[in-house]
Protein backbone atom coordinates (compact mmCIF):
# COMPACT_ATOMS: atom_id res chain seq x y z
CA UNK A 1 157.42 -35.84 163.53
CA UNK A 2 155.91 -35.73 160.02
CA UNK A 3 152.45 -36.20 161.51
CA UNK A 4 153.03 -33.23 163.81
CA UNK A 5 154.08 -31.05 160.85
CA UNK A 6 151.07 -32.19 158.83
CA UNK A 7 148.72 -31.41 161.70
CA UNK A 8 150.27 -27.98 162.14
CA UNK A 9 150.03 -27.26 158.42
CA UNK A 10 146.36 -28.24 158.37
CA UNK A 11 145.72 -26.00 161.37
CA UNK A 12 147.26 -23.07 159.54
CA UNK A 13 145.10 -23.66 156.49
CA UNK A 14 141.99 -23.74 158.67
CA UNK A 15 142.82 -20.57 160.59
CA UNK A 16 139.71 -18.66 161.72
CA UNK A 17 140.71 -15.54 159.79
CA UNK A 18 140.16 -17.29 156.48
CA UNK A 19 136.62 -18.30 157.36
CA UNK A 20 135.92 -14.89 158.84
CA UNK A 21 136.90 -13.23 155.57
CA UNK A 22 134.67 -15.57 153.59
CA UNK A 23 131.72 -14.91 155.90
CA UNK A 24 132.23 -11.16 155.63
CA UNK A 25 132.40 -11.32 151.84
CA UNK A 26 129.23 -13.43 151.66
CA UNK A 27 127.32 -11.12 153.99
CA UNK A 28 128.38 -7.97 152.13
CA UNK A 29 127.30 -9.48 148.81
CA UNK A 30 124.00 -10.52 150.37
CA UNK A 31 123.49 -6.98 151.68
CA UNK A 32 123.86 -5.51 148.20
CA UNK A 33 121.44 -8.09 146.81
CA UNK A 34 118.89 -7.44 149.56
CA UNK A 35 119.08 -3.67 149.10
CA UNK A 36 118.63 -3.99 145.36
CA UNK A 37 115.65 -6.32 145.88
CA UNK A 38 113.65 -4.59 148.61
CA UNK A 39 115.31 -1.25 149.42
CA UNK A 40 116.58 0.13 152.71
CA UNK A 41 113.23 0.40 154.50
CA UNK A 42 112.41 -3.29 154.03
CA UNK A 43 115.84 -4.87 154.37
CA UNK A 44 116.46 -7.08 157.41
CA UNK A 45 119.52 -8.66 158.95
CA UNK A 46 117.68 -11.99 159.14
CA UNK A 47 117.08 -12.05 155.38
CA UNK A 48 120.66 -10.98 154.69
CA UNK A 49 121.90 -13.85 156.86
CA UNK A 50 119.66 -16.25 154.93
CA UNK A 51 120.99 -15.01 151.59
CA UNK A 52 124.57 -15.30 152.83
CA UNK A 53 124.05 -18.80 154.23
CA UNK A 54 125.10 -17.86 157.76
CA UNK A 55 123.32 -17.78 161.11
CA UNK A 56 121.64 -14.50 161.97
CA UNK A 57 123.57 -14.26 165.25
CA UNK A 58 126.75 -14.04 163.20
CA UNK A 59 125.43 -10.94 161.44
CA UNK A 60 124.09 -9.35 164.63
CA UNK A 61 127.31 -10.03 166.55
CA UNK A 62 129.62 -8.61 163.88
CA UNK A 63 127.59 -5.64 162.57
CA UNK A 64 124.70 -5.14 164.96
CA UNK A 65 122.66 -2.80 162.79
CA UNK A 66 121.63 -2.36 159.17
CA UNK A 67 123.43 0.96 159.10
CA UNK A 68 126.81 -0.44 160.12
CA UNK A 69 126.40 -3.23 157.59
CA UNK A 70 125.64 -0.80 154.74
CA UNK A 71 128.61 1.36 155.67
CA UNK A 72 130.86 -1.70 155.70
CA UNK A 73 129.65 -2.46 152.17
CA UNK A 74 130.56 1.08 151.13
CA UNK A 75 133.96 0.88 152.81
CA UNK A 76 134.81 -2.44 151.17
CA UNK A 77 133.50 -1.46 147.75
CA UNK A 78 135.26 1.90 147.56
CA UNK A 79 138.56 0.48 148.81
CA UNK A 80 138.52 -2.14 146.03
CA UNK A 81 137.01 -0.22 143.12
CA UNK A 82 137.99 3.40 143.83
CA UNK A 83 141.66 3.33 144.87
CA UNK A 84 143.56 6.55 145.51
CA UNK A 85 145.54 7.25 142.32
CA UNK A 86 149.10 8.60 142.23
CA UNK A 87 150.00 9.48 138.64
CA UNK A 88 152.25 12.45 139.44
CA UNK A 89 149.70 14.93 138.07
CA UNK A 90 146.84 16.56 139.98
CA UNK A 91 144.60 16.69 136.91
CA UNK A 92 145.22 13.08 135.98
CA UNK A 93 144.77 11.92 139.58
CA UNK A 94 141.40 13.71 139.78
CA UNK A 95 140.32 12.28 136.43
CA UNK A 96 141.23 8.73 137.47
CA UNK A 97 139.43 9.16 140.79
CA UNK A 98 136.33 10.64 139.16
CA UNK A 99 136.12 7.91 136.51
CA UNK A 100 136.43 5.18 139.13
CA UNK A 101 133.81 6.82 141.37
CA UNK A 102 131.32 7.07 138.50
CA UNK A 103 131.97 3.50 137.39
CA UNK A 104 131.48 2.29 140.96
CA UNK A 105 128.23 4.20 141.39
CA UNK A 106 126.87 2.80 138.12
CA UNK A 107 127.71 -0.82 138.97
CA UNK A 108 124.91 -3.27 139.87
CA UNK A 109 123.72 -2.94 143.44
CA UNK A 110 125.91 0.01 144.41
CA UNK A 111 123.32 2.61 143.40
CA UNK A 112 120.88 0.93 145.80
CA UNK A 113 123.46 1.19 148.58
CA UNK A 114 124.08 4.87 147.87
CA UNK A 115 120.37 5.65 147.78
CA UNK A 116 119.94 3.84 151.08
CA UNK A 117 122.59 6.07 152.63
CA UNK A 118 121.03 9.24 151.21
CA UNK A 119 117.64 8.15 152.53
CA UNK A 120 118.83 6.96 155.91
CA UNK A 121 121.04 9.82 157.07
CA UNK A 122 118.12 12.25 157.24
CA UNK A 123 115.99 9.97 159.41
CA UNK A 124 118.46 8.13 161.58
CA UNK A 125 121.01 10.08 163.66
CA UNK A 126 123.05 6.93 164.31
CA UNK A 127 123.27 6.27 160.59
CA UNK A 128 124.10 9.91 159.96
CA UNK A 129 127.01 9.80 162.40
CA UNK A 130 128.29 6.52 160.96
CA UNK A 131 128.04 7.97 157.45
CA UNK A 132 130.01 11.04 158.51
CA UNK A 133 132.73 8.77 159.89
CA UNK A 134 132.90 6.86 156.63
CA UNK A 135 133.10 9.97 154.45
CA UNK A 136 135.68 11.56 156.74
CA UNK A 137 137.84 8.43 156.36
CA UNK A 138 137.36 8.36 152.60
CA UNK A 139 137.96 12.09 152.11
CA UNK A 140 141.15 11.87 154.15
CA UNK A 141 142.36 9.14 151.80
CA UNK A 142 141.36 10.94 148.62
CA UNK A 143 142.75 14.18 150.00
CA UNK A 144 146.27 12.76 149.67
CA UNK A 145 145.90 13.51 145.95
CA UNK A 146 145.73 17.21 146.77
CA UNK A 147 148.36 17.03 149.50
CA UNK A 148 150.86 15.58 147.00
CA UNK A 149 149.90 18.29 144.49
CA UNK A 150 150.67 20.98 147.08
CA UNK A 151 154.11 19.48 147.66
CA UNK A 152 154.71 19.45 143.88
CA UNK A 153 153.64 23.09 143.63
CA UNK A 154 150.50 22.37 141.59
CA UNK A 155 148.22 23.91 144.22
CA UNK A 156 148.61 26.71 146.78
CA UNK A 157 149.69 25.72 150.27
CA UNK A 158 146.39 26.84 151.79
CA UNK A 159 144.30 24.58 149.51
CA UNK A 160 141.74 22.48 151.41
CA UNK A 161 142.09 18.88 150.13
CA UNK A 162 138.58 17.82 151.13
CA UNK A 163 137.04 20.85 149.46
CA UNK A 164 138.73 19.95 146.17
CA UNK A 165 137.64 16.31 146.29
CA UNK A 166 134.06 17.28 147.15
CA UNK A 167 134.03 19.83 144.33
CA UNK A 168 134.95 17.08 141.85
CA UNK A 169 132.79 14.22 143.12
CA UNK A 170 129.78 16.27 144.24
CA UNK A 171 128.47 17.28 140.78
CA UNK A 172 128.99 13.76 139.44
CA UNK A 173 127.00 12.16 142.26
CA UNK A 174 124.33 14.84 141.86
CA UNK A 175 123.84 13.76 138.26
CA UNK A 176 123.86 10.08 139.16
CA UNK A 177 121.54 10.15 142.16
CA UNK A 178 119.35 13.21 141.68
CA UNK A 179 119.17 13.98 137.97
CA UNK A 180 119.39 10.36 136.86
CA UNK A 181 122.08 11.22 134.32
CA UNK A 182 125.16 9.14 133.67
CA UNK A 183 128.13 11.51 133.36
CA UNK A 184 130.45 10.47 130.56
CA UNK A 185 134.07 11.39 129.89
CA UNK A 186 133.35 14.92 128.54
CA UNK A 187 131.39 15.82 131.68
CA UNK A 188 134.05 14.33 133.97
CA UNK A 189 136.77 16.35 132.25
CA UNK A 190 134.69 19.53 132.37
CA UNK A 191 134.12 19.15 136.12
CA UNK A 192 137.79 18.44 136.85
CA UNK A 193 139.00 21.33 134.69
CA UNK A 194 136.50 23.72 136.28
CA UNK A 195 137.76 22.78 139.76
CA UNK A 196 141.38 23.13 138.66
CA UNK A 197 140.70 26.57 137.22
CA UNK A 198 139.52 27.60 140.68
CA UNK A 199 142.64 26.11 142.27
CA UNK A 200 144.89 28.04 139.89
CA UNK A 201 142.96 31.24 140.42
CA UNK A 202 143.41 30.89 144.18
């Protein structure tokens, strides 16, 4: 009886889901490293598999394309590093979100991922569609900040949540990716307060 329990316990510890999660984590890390090293145009699933220590068929079977792999990196990274805040204040929520987004974009490897997306969406319609799906998912999540503010009476009922989030994050990413600036706390607060002044005026 004890041997049966021991065997069952070992089986649980070796469940496929655990290995699958480890493989995914290794491949996503390898993708960031490959992008940072050679850029989007030169990255290959074979080299990513080599970096991750897995067989290339594993990468092809799970992700299929470079574009889906990059978007999975973005999805994983933003879910971990840029959570949706709920402080009870629209201004504070937007500040927390903006700070986290800037910190994420400035972290090692992430800038390479973002530049790959900016570069790829204009040349690859499949990538463009996948990117739109990702940003729609993310904006729906971040939009809950504004939806809660509407319920609290901090914003008019007709306020478009996505428009508010884009108005906050857009200028910050413009500085990071186009101007090459690194927006600090004063700039983040100025952007948030400018957006909120428009919300109040509406």
